[in-house]
Amino acid sequence: MAGTYEQLLDATIQHLEELKAGGVRHAAVSPETLRALSQPAPRPAAPPPQFRSGRPVLRSRTAEGGREEAPFSKSEIQNPKSGTETSLLASVPAANLSVALPSLEKAAAFAALRERALACVKCAHLAASRKNVVFGVGSIDAPLMFVGEAPGADEDEQGEPFVGKAGQLLTKIIQATGLSRADVYIANILKCRPDTPGQSAGNRKPTPDEMTTCIPYLHEQIDLIRPAVIVALGATAVEGLLGKTLGITKLRGTWKTYRGTPLMPTYHPAYLLRNQAMSEKRKVWEDMLAVMEKLGMPISEKQRNYFLRA
């Protein structure tokens, strides 16, 4: 127990120092989380069946009959309750805990987090212009999590991330690995669409202040989900999770770490919609192959050869 306590204390101090360095002085913690933190630590449970030796093994869905097409092609896409504000000592990254919350407590904590996010008006200008808060979608037990930049017009309309053309392309990428959107979790740095005063269309990058204000929700999502791998889609997602870094062109394809979790930076699907070069598609696919390998997923020879010129 002493070792667990020291580990938790070290993780807490490290996390609080990161928050303090970012200018954060208080952290919003749900009543469910406070109650869970006040309880004695449960005994570690046996690893679930899909994990072997600490590495998650995801089963790939095979195509049923017919000719298998190369993934994420252009033609397919174009036709296609308030929390309790407490001291920073209560903000402990779940990814650094020795055990996860029991499933019911986890679901309750996630639901409470969602309610707080849906009611958030911290960015008054975004709250005034949004149609929906775009919280996230997918499995809260997912070993794989995708993080994007911010909702666009389609996402704001439907209240779900990555549902426009870039989202349809992301779905194709996920399906090309043998998974579905229901197997992973998808979220954004920002939960509201950045407002575009005076514009009837188009998007803009979130400001640093907007990202700083909103990203605690994403941190809590990650801490509760505890993914084995995070894929950061584009430069803004990388910046939000890791801070100021080199450009995405230099970073993509190179493993980074988000508070102990392996993180793969890659291009945003919107980039592939703008740049249809086979070489760029191959780069993203190589990043996904690395993710599949990290997760212990089976990879077929056909998958390895996607977007390679004959």
C-alpha atoms as a PDB file:
ATOM      1  CA  MET A   1       0.000   0.000   0.000  1.00  0.00           C
ATOM      2  CA  ALA A   2       2.901   2.326   0.805  1.00  0.00           C
ATOM      3  CA  GLY A   3       4.216   1.900  -2.712  1.00  0.00           C
ATOM      4  CA  THR A   4       0.816   2.682  -4.196  1.00  0.00           C
ATOM      5  CA  TYR A   5       0.518   5.751  -1.985  1.00  0.00           C
ATOM      6  CA  GLU A   6       3.935   7.049  -3.028  1.00  0.00           C
ATOM      7  CA  GLN A   7       3.121   6.407  -6.686  1.00  0.00           C
ATOM      8  CA  LEU A   8      -0.173   8.257  -6.389  1.00  0.00           C
ATOM      9  CA  LEU A   9       1.449  11.131  -4.510  1.00  0.00           C
ATOM     10  CA  ASP A  10       4.189  11.509  -7.131  1.00  0.00           C
ATOM     11  CA  ALA A  11       1.619  11.409  -9.944  1.00  0.00           C
ATOM     12  CA  THR A  12      -0.521  13.984  -8.156  1.00  0.00           C
ATOM     13  CA  ILE A  13       2.366  16.374  -7.595  1.00  0.00           C
ATOM     14  CA  GLN A  14       3.514  16.054 -11.208  1.00  0.00           C
ATOM     15  CA  HIS A  15       0.016  16.667 -12.545  1.00  0.00           C
ATOM     16  CA  LEU A  16      -0.564  19.651 -10.269  1.00  0.00           C
ATOM     17  CA  GLU A  17       2.732  21.199 -11.306  1.00  0.00           C
ATOM     18  CA  GLU A  18       1.678  20.878 -14.960  1.00  0.00           C
ATOM     19  CA  LEU A  19      -1.671  22.513 -14.234  1.00  0.00           C
ATOM     20  CA  LYS A  20      -0.089  25.273 -12.171  1.00  0.00           C
ATOM     21  CA  ALA A  21       2.428  25.987 -14.928  1.00  0.00           C
ATOM     22  CA  GLY A  22      -0.520  26.402 -17.287  1.00  0.00           C
ATOM     23  CA  GLY A  23      -2.096  29.028 -15.040  1.00  0.00           C
ATOM     24  CA  VAL A  24      -4.759  26.779 -13.526  1.00  0.00           C
ATOM     25  CA  ARG A  25      -5.578  27.447  -9.875  1.00  0.00           C
ATOM     26  CA  HIS A  26      -8.731  25.363  -9.347  1.00  0.00           C
ATOM     27  CA  ALA A  27     -10.048  22.154 -10.875  1.00  0.00           C
ATOM     28  CA  ALA A  28     -13.660  21.122 -11.364  1.00  0.00           C
ATOM     29  CA  VAL A  29     -14.262  17.676  -9.886  1.00  0.00           C
ATOM     30  CA  SER A  30     -17.598  15.882  -9.934  1.00  0.00           C
ATOM     31  CA  PRO A  31     -19.215  14.711  -6.679  1.00  0.00           C
ATOM     32  CA  GLU A  32     -18.860  11.125  -7.926  1.00  0.00           C
ATOM     33  CA  THR A  33     -15.113  11.540  -8.307  1.00  0.00           C
ATOM     34  CA  LEU A  34     -14.793  13.088  -4.843  1.00  0.00           C
ATOM     35  CA  ARG A  35     -16.663  10.166  -3.334  1.00  0.00           C
ATOM     36  CA  ALA A  36     -14.487   7.692  -5.226  1.00  0.00           C
ATOM     37  CA  LEU A  37     -11.291   9.414  -4.066  1.00  0.00           C
ATOM     38  CA  SER A  38     -12.454   9.239  -0.457  1.00  0.00           C
ATOM     39  CA  GLN A  39     -12.865   5.454  -0.585  1.00  0.00           C
ATOM     40  CA  PRO A  40     -10.101   2.911   0.096  1.00  0.00           C
ATOM     41  CA  ALA A  41      -8.407   1.757  -3.073  1.00  0.00           C
ATOM     42  CA  PRO A  42     -10.015  -1.446  -4.407  1.00  0.00           C
ATOM     43  CA  ARG A  43      -7.924  -4.527  -5.059  1.00  0.00           C
ATOM     44  CA  PRO A  44      -6.594  -4.623  -8.638  1.00  0.00           C
ATOM     45  CA  ALA A  45      -8.833  -6.666 -10.881  1.00  0.00           C
ATOM     46  CA  ALA A  46      -7.568  -9.263 -13.307  1.00  0.00           C
ATOM     47  CA  PRO A  47      -6.817  -7.903 -16.794  1.00  0.00           C
ATOM     48  CA  PRO A  48      -9.803  -8.096 -19.157  1.00  0.00           C
ATOM     49  CA  PRO A  49      -9.651 -10.770 -21.881  1.00  0.00           C
ATOM     50  CA  GLN A  50      -8.708  -8.310 -24.640  1.00  0.00           C
ATOM     51  CA  PHE A  51      -5.419  -7.453 -22.897  1.00  0.00           C
ATOM     52  CA  ARG A  52      -2.374  -9.689 -22.865  1.00  0.00           C
ATOM     53  CA  SER A  53       0.808  -8.769 -21.037  1.00  0.00           C
ATOM     54  CA  GLY A  54      -0.378  -5.210 -20.665  1.00  0.00           C
ATOM     55  CA  ARG A  55      -0.985  -4.789 -24.404  1.00  0.00           C
ATOM     56  CA  PRO A  56      -4.529  -4.560 -25.724  1.00  0.00           C
ATOM     57  CA  VAL A  57      -5.422  -6.932 -28.515  1.00  0.00           C
ATOM     58  CA  LEU A  58      -8.248  -5.737 -30.749  1.00  0.00           C
ATOM     59  CA  ARG A  59      -9.960  -8.086 -33.122  1.00  0.00           C
ATOM     60  CA  SER A  60     -10.193  -6.953 -36.720  1.00  0.00           C
ATOM     61  CA  ARG A  61     -13.444  -7.258 -38.640  1.00  0.00           C
ATOM     62  CA  THR A  62     -12.967  -8.945 -41.994  1.00  0.00           C
ATOM     63  CA  ALA A  63     -14.882  -7.885 -45.079  1.00  0.00           C
ATOM     64  CA  GLU A  64     -17.716 -10.210 -46.028  1.00  0.00           C
ATOM     65  CA  GLY A  65     -17.541 -11.045 -49.706  1.00  0.00           C
ATOM     66  CA  GLY A  66     -17.046  -8.703 -52.612  1.00  0.00           C
ATOM     67  CA  ARG A  67     -13.993  -6.765 -53.669  1.00  0.00           C
ATOM     68  CA  GLU A  68     -12.189  -4.867 -50.914  1.00  0.00           C
ATOM     69  CA  GLU A  69     -11.506  -1.272 -51.901  1.00  0.00           C
ATOM     70  CA  ALA A  70      -8.638   0.898 -50.740  1.00  0.00           C
ATOM     71  CA  PRO A  71      -9.699   2.922 -47.679  1.00  0.00           C
ATOM     72  CA  PHE A  72     -10.718   6.587 -47.454  1.00  0.00           C
ATOM     73  CA  SER A  73     -10.884   7.449 -51.156  1.00  0.00           C
ATOM     74  CA  LYS A  74     -12.078  10.873 -52.289  1.00  0.00           C
ATOM     75  CA  SER A  75     -15.067   9.517 -54.220  1.00  0.00           C
ATOM     76  CA  GLU A  76     -16.437   7.746 -51.158  1.00  0.00           C
ATOM     77  CA  ILE A  77     -16.234  10.902 -49.106  1.00  0.00           C
ATOM     78  CA  GLN A  78     -17.763  13.292 -51.610  1.00  0.00           C
ATOM     79  CA  ASN A  79     -20.699  10.956 -52.326  1.00  0.00           C
ATOM     80  CA  PRO A  80     -21.400   9.612 -49.529  1.00  0.00           C
ATOM     81  CA  LYS A  81     -24.968  18.367 -13.581  1.00  0.00           C
ATOM     82  CA  SER A  82     -22.586  21.122 -12.359  1.00  0.00           C
ATOM     83  CA  GLY A  83     -19.358  19.885 -10.757  1.00  0.00           C
ATOM     84  CA  THR A  84     -17.832  20.884  -7.460  1.00  0.00           C
ATOM     85  CA  GLU A  85     -14.933  23.291  -7.641  1.00  0.00           C
ATOM     86  CA  THR A  86     -12.219  22.136  -5.305  1.00  0.00           C
ATOM     87  CA  SER A  87      -8.480  22.452  -4.808  1.00  0.00           C
ATOM     88  CA  LEU A  88      -6.007  21.094  -7.329  1.00  0.00           C
ATOM     89  CA  LEU A  89      -5.181  18.244  -4.954  1.00  0.00           C
ATOM     90  CA  ALA A  90      -8.412  16.537  -6.067  1.00  0.00           C
ATOM     91  CA  SER A  91      -7.396  16.562  -9.741  1.00  0.00           C
ATOM     92  CA  VAL A  92      -5.547  13.271 -10.132  1.00  0.00           C
ATOM     93  CA  PRO A  93      -4.898  11.788 -13.583  1.00  0.00           C
ATOM     94  CA  ALA A  94      -6.670   8.435 -13.677  1.00  0.00           C
ATOM     95  CA  ALA A  95      -4.121   7.172 -16.211  1.00  0.00           C
ATOM     96  CA  ASN A  96      -1.520   7.211 -13.406  1.00  0.00           C
ATOM     97  CA  LEU A  97      -3.645   5.325 -10.867  1.00  0.00           C
ATOM     98  CA  SER A  98      -2.853   1.668 -10.208  1.00  0.00           C
ATOM     99  CA  VAL A  99      -6.497   0.643 -10.723  1.00  0.00           C
ATOM    100  CA  ALA A 100      -9.364   2.004 -12.780  1.00  0.00           C
ATOM    101  CA  LEU A 101     -12.741   3.061 -11.436  1.00  0.00           C
ATOM    102  CA  PRO A 102     -15.302   0.233 -11.353  1.00  0.00           C
ATOM    103  CA  SER A 103     -17.432   0.278 -14.498  1.00  0.00           C
ATOM    104  CA  LEU A 104     -20.578   1.693 -12.864  1.00  0.00           C
ATOM    105  CA  GLU A 105     -18.660   4.449 -11.106  1.00  0.00           C
ATOM    106  CA  LYS A 106     -16.814   5.194 -14.338  1.00  0.00           C
ATOM    107  CA  ALA A 107     -20.046   5.492 -16.290  1.00  0.00           C
ATOM    108  CA  ALA A 108     -21.539   7.756 -13.607  1.00  0.00           C
ATOM    109  CA  ALA A 109     -18.436   9.951 -13.523  1.00  0.00           C
ATOM    110  CA  PHE A 110     -18.464  10.195 -17.325  1.00  0.00           C
ATOM    111  CA  ALA A 111     -22.149  11.107 -17.362  1.00  0.00           C
ATOM    112  CA  ALA A 112     -21.561  13.812 -14.757  1.00  0.00           C
ATOM    113  CA  LEU A 113     -18.657  15.178 -16.805  1.00  0.00           C
ATOM    114  CA  ARG A 114     -20.848  15.272 -19.896  1.00  0.00           C
ATOM    115  CA  GLU A 115     -23.555  17.206 -18.046  1.00  0.00           C
ATOM    116  CA  ARG A 116     -21.039  19.794 -16.883  1.00  0.00           C
ATOM    117  CA  ALA A 117     -19.676  20.195 -20.394  1.00  0.00           C
ATOM    118  CA  LEU A 118     -23.131  20.539 -21.942  1.00  0.00           C
ATOM    119  CA  ALA A 119     -23.979  23.322 -19.489  1.00  0.00           C
ATOM    120  CA  CYS A 120     -20.647  25.153 -19.843  1.00  0.00           C
ATOM    121  CA  VAL A 121     -20.765  28.870 -20.679  1.00  0.00           C
ATOM    122  CA  LYS A 122     -17.169  29.755 -19.745  1.00  0.00           C
ATOM    123  CA  CYS A 123     -16.552  31.054 -23.282  1.00  0.00           C
ATOM    124  CA  ALA A 124     -19.581  33.353 -23.523  1.00  0.00           C
ATOM    125  CA  HIS A 125     -19.018  34.145 -27.214  1.00  0.00           C
ATOM    126  CA  LEU A 126     -18.940  30.440 -28.141  1.00  0.00           C
ATOM    127  CA  ALA A 127     -21.914  29.582 -25.936  1.00  0.00           C
ATOM    128  CA  ALA A 128     -23.911  32.339 -27.616  1.00  0.00           C
ATOM    129  CA  SER A 129     -23.158  31.162 -31.157  1.00  0.00           C
ATOM    130  CA  ARG A 130     -23.244  27.381 -30.772  1.00  0.00           C
ATOM    131  CA  LYS A 131     -26.173  25.109 -31.562  1.00  0.00           C
ATOM    132  CA  ASN A 132     -24.793  22.138 -29.646  1.00  0.00           C
ATOM    133  CA  VAL A 133     -21.939  21.267 -27.331  1.00  0.00           C
ATOM    134  CA  VAL A 134     -19.996  18.509 -29.092  1.00  0.00           C
ATOM    135  CA  PHE A 135     -18.841  16.367 -26.175  1.00  0.00           C
ATOM    136  CA  GLY A 136     -17.554  13.190 -27.806  1.00  0.00           C
ATOM    137  CA  VAL A 137     -18.697   9.830 -29.125  1.00  0.00           C
ATOM    138  CA  GLY A 138     -17.732   6.182 -28.812  1.00  0.00           C
ATOM    139  CA  SER A 139     -16.866   3.631 -26.157  1.00  0.00           C
ATOM    140  CA  ILE A 140     -15.707   4.914 -22.762  1.00  0.00           C
ATOM    141  CA  ASP A 141     -13.689   1.689 -22.474  1.00  0.00           C
ATOM    142  CA  ALA A 142     -11.950   2.173 -25.836  1.00  0.00           C
ATOM    143  CA  PRO A 143      -8.225   1.300 -26.014  1.00  0.00           C
ATOM    144  CA  LEU A 144      -7.918   3.779 -28.917  1.00  0.00           C
ATOM    145  CA  MET A 145      -8.889   7.460 -28.770  1.00  0.00           C
ATOM    146  CA  PHE A 146      -8.829  10.064 -31.537  1.00  0.00           C
ATOM    147  CA  VAL A 147      -8.524  13.767 -30.683  1.00  0.00           C
ATOM    148  CA  GLY A 148      -9.264  16.485 -33.226  1.00  0.00           C
ATOM    149  CA  GLU A 149      -9.303  20.276 -33.225  1.00  0.00           C
ATOM    150  CA  ALA A 150     -12.856  21.634 -32.850  1.00  0.00           C
ATOM    151  CA  PRO A 151     -16.378  21.080 -34.204  1.00  0.00           C
ATOM    152  CA  GLY A 152     -17.310  22.434 -37.607  1.00  0.00           C
ATOM    153  CA  ALA A 153     -20.734  23.427 -38.905  1.00  0.00           C
ATOM    154  CA  ASP A 154     -21.934  19.833 -39.385  1.00  0.00           C
ATOM    155  CA  GLU A 155     -20.725  18.812 -35.939  1.00  0.00           C
ATOM    156  CA  ASP A 156     -22.319  21.863 -34.329  1.00  0.00           C
ATOM    157  CA  GLU A 157     -25.590  20.998 -36.062  1.00  0.00           C
ATOM    158  CA  GLN A 158     -25.623  17.332 -35.044  1.00  0.00           C
ATOM    159  CA  GLY A 159     -23.826  17.535 -31.686  1.00  0.00           C
ATOM    160  CA  GLU A 160     -21.362  14.779 -32.647  1.00  0.00           C
ATOM    161  CA  PRO A 161     -17.677  15.076 -33.589  1.00  0.00           C
ATOM    162  CA  PHE A 162     -16.370  14.257 -37.059  1.00  0.00           C
ATOM    163  CA  VAL A 163     -19.620  13.851 -38.998  1.00  0.00           C
ATOM    164  CA  GLY A 164     -18.846  16.152 -41.961  1.00  0.00           C
ATOM    165  CA  LYS A 165     -16.663  15.200 -44.934  1.00  0.00           C
ATOM    166  CA  ALA A 166     -13.524  15.074 -42.786  1.00  0.00           C
ATOM    167  CA  GLY A 167     -15.432  12.932 -40.300  1.00  0.00           C
ATOM    168  CA  GLN A 168     -16.597  10.569 -43.003  1.00  0.00           C
ATOM    169  CA  LEU A 169     -12.977  10.201 -44.050  1.00  0.00           C
ATOM    170  CA  LEU A 170     -11.938   9.496 -40.440  1.00  0.00           C
ATOM    171  CA  THR A 171     -14.632   6.801 -40.304  1.00  0.00           C
ATOM    172  CA  LYS A 172     -13.118   5.214 -43.445  1.00  0.00           C
ATOM    173  CA  ILE A 173      -9.663   5.275 -41.837  1.00  0.00           C
ATOM    174  CA  ILE A 174     -11.008   3.613 -38.683  1.00  0.00           C
ATOM    175  CA  GLN A 175     -12.850   0.993 -40.730  1.00  0.00           C
ATOM    176  CA  ALA A 176      -9.701   0.304 -42.753  1.00  0.00           C
ATOM    177  CA  THR A 177      -8.036  -0.876 -39.527  1.00  0.00           C
ATOM    178  CA  GLY A 178     -10.886  -3.334 -38.996  1.00  0.00           C
ATOM    179  CA  LEU A 179     -12.588  -1.285 -36.277  1.00  0.00           C
ATOM    180  CA  SER A 180     -15.698   0.895 -36.174  1.00  0.00           C
ATOM    181  CA  ARG A 181     -16.519   4.231 -34.568  1.00  0.00           C
ATOM    182  CA  ALA A 182     -18.236   2.302 -31.758  1.00  0.00           C
ATOM    183  CA  ASP A 183     -14.926   0.580 -30.902  1.00  0.00           C
ATOM    184  CA  VAL A 184     -12.988   3.833 -30.366  1.00  0.00           C
ATOM    185  CA  TYR A 185     -13.614   7.198 -28.716  1.00  0.00           C
ATOM    186  CA  ILE A 186     -13.546  10.466 -30.672  1.00  0.00           C
ATOM    187  CA  ALA A 187     -13.302  13.933 -29.118  1.00  0.00           C
ATOM    188  CA  ASN A 188     -11.923  17.408 -29.792  1.00  0.00           C
ATOM    189  CA  ILE A 189      -9.765  19.977 -28.031  1.00  0.00           C
ATOM    190  CA  LEU A 190     -12.768  22.341 -28.109  1.00  0.00           C
ATOM    191  CA  LYS A 191     -16.337  21.246 -27.339  1.00  0.00           C
ATOM    192  CA  CYS A 192     -17.927  24.238 -29.110  1.00  0.00           C
ATOM    193  CA  ARG A 193     -17.525  25.395 -32.689  1.00  0.00           C
ATOM    194  CA  PRO A 194     -15.265  28.470 -32.871  1.00  0.00           C
ATOM    195  CA  ASP A 195     -17.507  31.378 -33.799  1.00  0.00           C
ATOM    196  CA  THR A 196     -16.981  33.124 -37.136  1.00  0.00           C
ATOM    197  CA  PRO A 197     -18.554  36.590 -36.816  1.00  0.00           C
ATOM    198  CA  GLY A 198     -19.486  38.091 -40.151  1.00  0.00           C
ATOM    199  CA  GLN A 199     -18.981  34.799 -41.996  1.00  0.00           C
ATOM    200  CA  SER A 200     -21.752  32.574 -43.262  1.00  0.00           C
ATOM    201  CA  ALA A 201     -19.386  29.605 -43.648  1.00  0.00           C
ATOM    202  CA  GLY A 202     -15.885  28.460 -42.892  1.00  0.00           C
ATOM    203  CA  ASN A 203     -13.936  27.590 -39.769  1.00  0.00           C
ATOM    204  CA  ARG A 204     -11.172  29.122 -37.710  1.00  0.00           C
ATOM    205  CA  LYS A 205      -8.518  27.733 -35.383  1.00  0.00           C
ATOM    206  CA  PRO A 206      -9.305  27.915 -31.648  1.00  0.00           C
ATOM    207  CA  THR A 207      -7.488  30.666 -29.779  1.00  0.00           C
ATOM    208  CA  PRO A 208      -5.016  29.767 -27.004  1.00  0.00           C
ATOM    209  CA  ASP A 209      -7.446  31.141 -24.385  1.00  0.00           C
ATOM    210  CA  GLU A 210     -10.302  29.027 -25.764  1.00  0.00           C
ATOM    211  CA  MET A 211      -8.124  25.930 -25.723  1.00  0.00           C
ATOM    212  CA  THR A 212      -6.916  26.572 -22.173  1.00  0.00           C
ATOM    213  CA  THR A 213     -10.478  27.079 -20.969  1.00  0.00           C
ATOM    214  CA  CYS A 214     -11.963  24.009 -22.625  1.00  0.00           C
ATOM    215  CA  ILE A 215      -9.228  21.390 -22.503  1.00  0.00           C
ATOM    216  CA  PRO A 216      -9.794  20.337 -18.845  1.00  0.00           C
ATOM    217  CA  TYR A 217     -12.913  18.543 -20.113  1.00  0.00           C
ATOM    218  CA  LEU A 218     -10.763  16.570 -22.560  1.00  0.00           C
ATOM    219  CA  HIS A 219      -8.193  15.801 -19.856  1.00  0.00           C
ATOM    220  CA  GLU A 220     -10.974  14.345 -17.693  1.00  0.00           C
ATOM    221  CA  GLN A 221     -12.314  12.323 -20.615  1.00  0.00           C
ATOM    222  CA  ILE A 222      -8.882  10.804 -21.199  1.00  0.00           C
ATOM    223  CA  ASP A 223      -8.367  10.164 -17.481  1.00  0.00           C
ATOM    224  CA  LEU A 224     -11.659   8.261 -17.293  1.00  0.00           C
ATOM    225  CA  ILE A 225     -11.353   6.365 -20.590  1.00  0.00           C
ATOM    226  CA  ARG A 226      -7.695   5.446 -19.974  1.00  0.00           C
ATOM    227  CA  PRO A 227      -6.959   4.652 -23.650  1.00  0.00           C
ATOM    228  CA  ALA A 228      -3.905   2.565 -24.469  1.00  0.00           C
ATOM    229  CA  VAL A 229      -3.132   4.830 -27.460  1.00  0.00           C
ATOM    230  CA  ILE A 230      -4.164   8.365 -28.455  1.00  0.00           C
ATOM    231  CA  VAL A 231      -4.090   9.590 -32.059  1.00  0.00           C
ATOM    232  CA  ALA A 232      -3.804  13.390 -32.330  1.00  0.00           C
ATOM    233  CA  LEU A 233      -5.325  14.590 -35.599  1.00  0.00           C
ATOM    234  CA  GLY A 234      -3.506  17.680 -36.797  1.00  0.00           C
ATOM    235  CA  ALA A 235      -1.310  20.395 -35.335  1.00  0.00           C
ATOM    236  CA  THR A 236      -3.954  21.954 -33.071  1.00  0.00           C
ATOM    237  CA  ALA A 237      -4.727  18.634 -31.391  1.00  0.00           C
ATOM    238  CA  VAL A 238      -1.012  18.042 -30.809  1.00  0.00           C
ATOM    239  CA  GLU A 239      -0.598  21.558 -29.427  1.00  0.00           C
ATOM    240  CA  GLY A 240      -3.561  21.150 -27.107  1.00  0.00           C
ATOM    241  CA  LEU A 241      -2.284  17.873 -25.677  1.00  0.00           C
ATOM    242  CA  LEU A 242       1.475  18.429 -25.682  1.00  0.00           C
ATOM    243  CA  GLY A 243       1.892  22.205 -25.810  1.00  0.00           C
ATOM    244  CA  LYS A 244       3.841  24.141 -28.406  1.00  0.00           C
ATOM    245  CA  THR A 245       5.829  21.750 -30.550  1.00  0.00           C
ATOM    246  CA  LEU A 246       7.335  21.414 -33.996  1.00  0.00           C
ATOM    247  CA  GLY A 247       4.983  21.497 -36.964  1.00  0.00           C
ATOM    248  CA  ILE A 248       2.821  18.474 -37.685  1.00  0.00           C
ATOM    249  CA  THR A 249       4.867  17.689 -40.807  1.00  0.00           C
ATOM    250  CA  LYS A 250       7.911  17.010 -38.617  1.00  0.00           C
ATOM    251  CA  LEU A 251       5.990  15.367 -35.785  1.00  0.00           C
ATOM    252  CA  ARG A 252       3.698  12.934 -37.589  1.00  0.00           C
ATOM    253  CA  GLY A 253       4.703   9.311 -37.476  1.00  0.00           C
ATOM    254  CA  THR A 254       6.821   9.782 -34.335  1.00  0.00           C
ATOM    255  CA  TRP A 255       5.586   8.413 -31.028  1.00  0.00           C
ATOM    256  CA  LYS A 256       5.086  10.977 -28.276  1.00  0.00           C
ATOM    257  CA  THR A 257       3.717  10.586 -24.743  1.00  0.00           C
ATOM    258  CA  TYR A 258       0.719  12.245 -23.137  1.00  0.00           C
ATOM    259  CA  ARG A 259       1.013  11.793 -19.361  1.00  0.00           C
ATOM    260  CA  GLY A 260       2.241   8.240 -19.755  1.00  0.00           C
ATOM    261  CA  THR A 261       0.005   7.304 -22.708  1.00  0.00           C
ATOM    262  CA  PRO A 262       1.559   6.690 -26.161  1.00  0.00           C
ATOM    263  CA  LEU A 263       0.419   9.393 -28.583  1.00  0.00           C
ATOM    264  CA  MET A 264       0.694   9.280 -32.358  1.00  0.00           C
ATOM    265  CA  PRO A 265       0.504  12.630 -34.181  1.00  0.00           C
ATOM    266  CA  THR A 266      -0.824  12.431 -37.728  1.00  0.00           C
ATOM    267  CA  TYR A 267      -2.457  14.651 -40.312  1.00  0.00           C
ATOM    268  CA  HIS A 268      -6.044  15.796 -39.848  1.00  0.00           C
ATOM    269  CA  PRO A 269      -8.440  14.106 -42.297  1.00  0.00           C
ATOM    270  CA  ALA A 270      -9.275  17.552 -43.703  1.00  0.00           C
ATOM    271  CA  TYR A 271      -5.677  17.728 -44.944  1.00  0.00           C
ATOM    272  CA  LEU A 272      -6.201  14.582 -47.010  1.00  0.00           C
ATOM    273  CA  LEU A 273      -9.333  16.094 -48.527  1.00  0.00           C
ATOM    274  CA  ARG A 274      -7.235  19.040 -49.693  1.00  0.00           C
ATOM    275  CA  ASN A 275      -4.224  16.982 -50.740  1.00  0.00           C
ATOM    276  CA  GLN A 276      -5.139  13.803 -52.612  1.00  0.00           C
ATOM    277  CA  ALA A 277      -1.554  12.710 -53.287  1.00  0.00           C
ATOM    278  CA  MET A 278      -1.049   8.976 -52.795  1.00  0.00           C
ATOM    279  CA  SER A 279       2.120   9.730 -50.822  1.00  0.00           C
ATOM    280  CA  GLU A 280       0.183  11.752 -48.245  1.00  0.00           C
ATOM    281  CA  LYS A 281      -2.466   9.063 -47.848  1.00  0.00           C
ATOM    282  CA  ARG A 282       0.317   6.535 -47.353  1.00  0.00           C
ATOM    283  CA  LYS A 283       1.868   8.645 -44.569  1.00  0.00           C
ATOM    284  CA  VAL A 284      -1.381   8.664 -42.598  1.00  0.00           C
ATOM    285  CA  TRP A 285      -1.834   4.965 -43.212  1.00  0.00           C
ATOM    286  CA  GLU A 286       1.706   4.235 -41.995  1.00  0.00           C
ATOM    287  CA  ASP A 287       0.855   6.123 -38.805  1.00  0.00           C
ATOM    288  CA  MET A 288      -2.249   3.943 -38.398  1.00  0.00           C
ATOM    289  CA  LEU A 289      -0.228   0.786 -39.020  1.00  0.00           C
ATOM    290  CA  ALA A 290       2.070   1.857 -36.182  1.00  0.00           C
ATOM    291  CA  VAL A 291      -0.982   2.368 -33.970  1.00  0.00           C
ATOM    292  CA  MET A 292      -2.324  -1.072 -34.869  1.00  0.00           C
ATOM    293  CA  GLU A 293       1.024  -2.629 -34.031  1.00  0.00           C
ATOM    294  CA  LYS A 294       1.154  -0.797 -30.700  1.00  0.00           C
ATOM    295  CA  LEU A 295      -2.309  -2.170 -29.874  1.00  0.00           C
ATOM    296  CA  GLY A 296      -1.387  -5.699 -30.897  1.00  0.00           C
ATOM    297  CA  MET A 297      -3.949  -5.765 -33.697  1.00  0.00           C
ATOM    298  CA  PRO A 298      -3.623  -8.231 -36.582  1.00  0.00           C
ATOM    299  CA  ILE A 299      -2.453  -6.635 -39.830  1.00  0.00           C
ATOM    300  CA  SER A 300      -3.026  -8.320 -43.165  1.00  0.00           C
ATOM    301  CA  GLU A 301      -0.676  -8.091 -46.112  1.00  0.00           C
ATOM    302  CA  LYS A 302      -3.377  -6.186 -48.005  1.00  0.00           C
ATOM    303  CA  GLN A 303      -3.551  -3.630 -45.202  1.00  0.00           C
ATOM    304  CA  ARG A 304       0.234  -3.212 -45.201  1.00  0.00           C
ATOM    305  CA  ASN A 305       0.149  -2.497 -48.931  1.00  0.00           C
ATOM    306  CA  TYR A 306      -2.558   0.177 -48.977  1.00  0.00           C
ATOM    307  CA  PHE A 307      -1.479   3.222 -51.036  1.00  0.00           C
ATOM    308  CA  LEU A 308       1.795   1.688 -52.179  1.00  0.00           C
ATOM    309  CA  ARG A 309       2.387   2.226 -55.881  1.00  0.00           C
ATOM    310  CA  ALA A 310       2.745  -0.911 -57.964  1.00  0.00           C
END
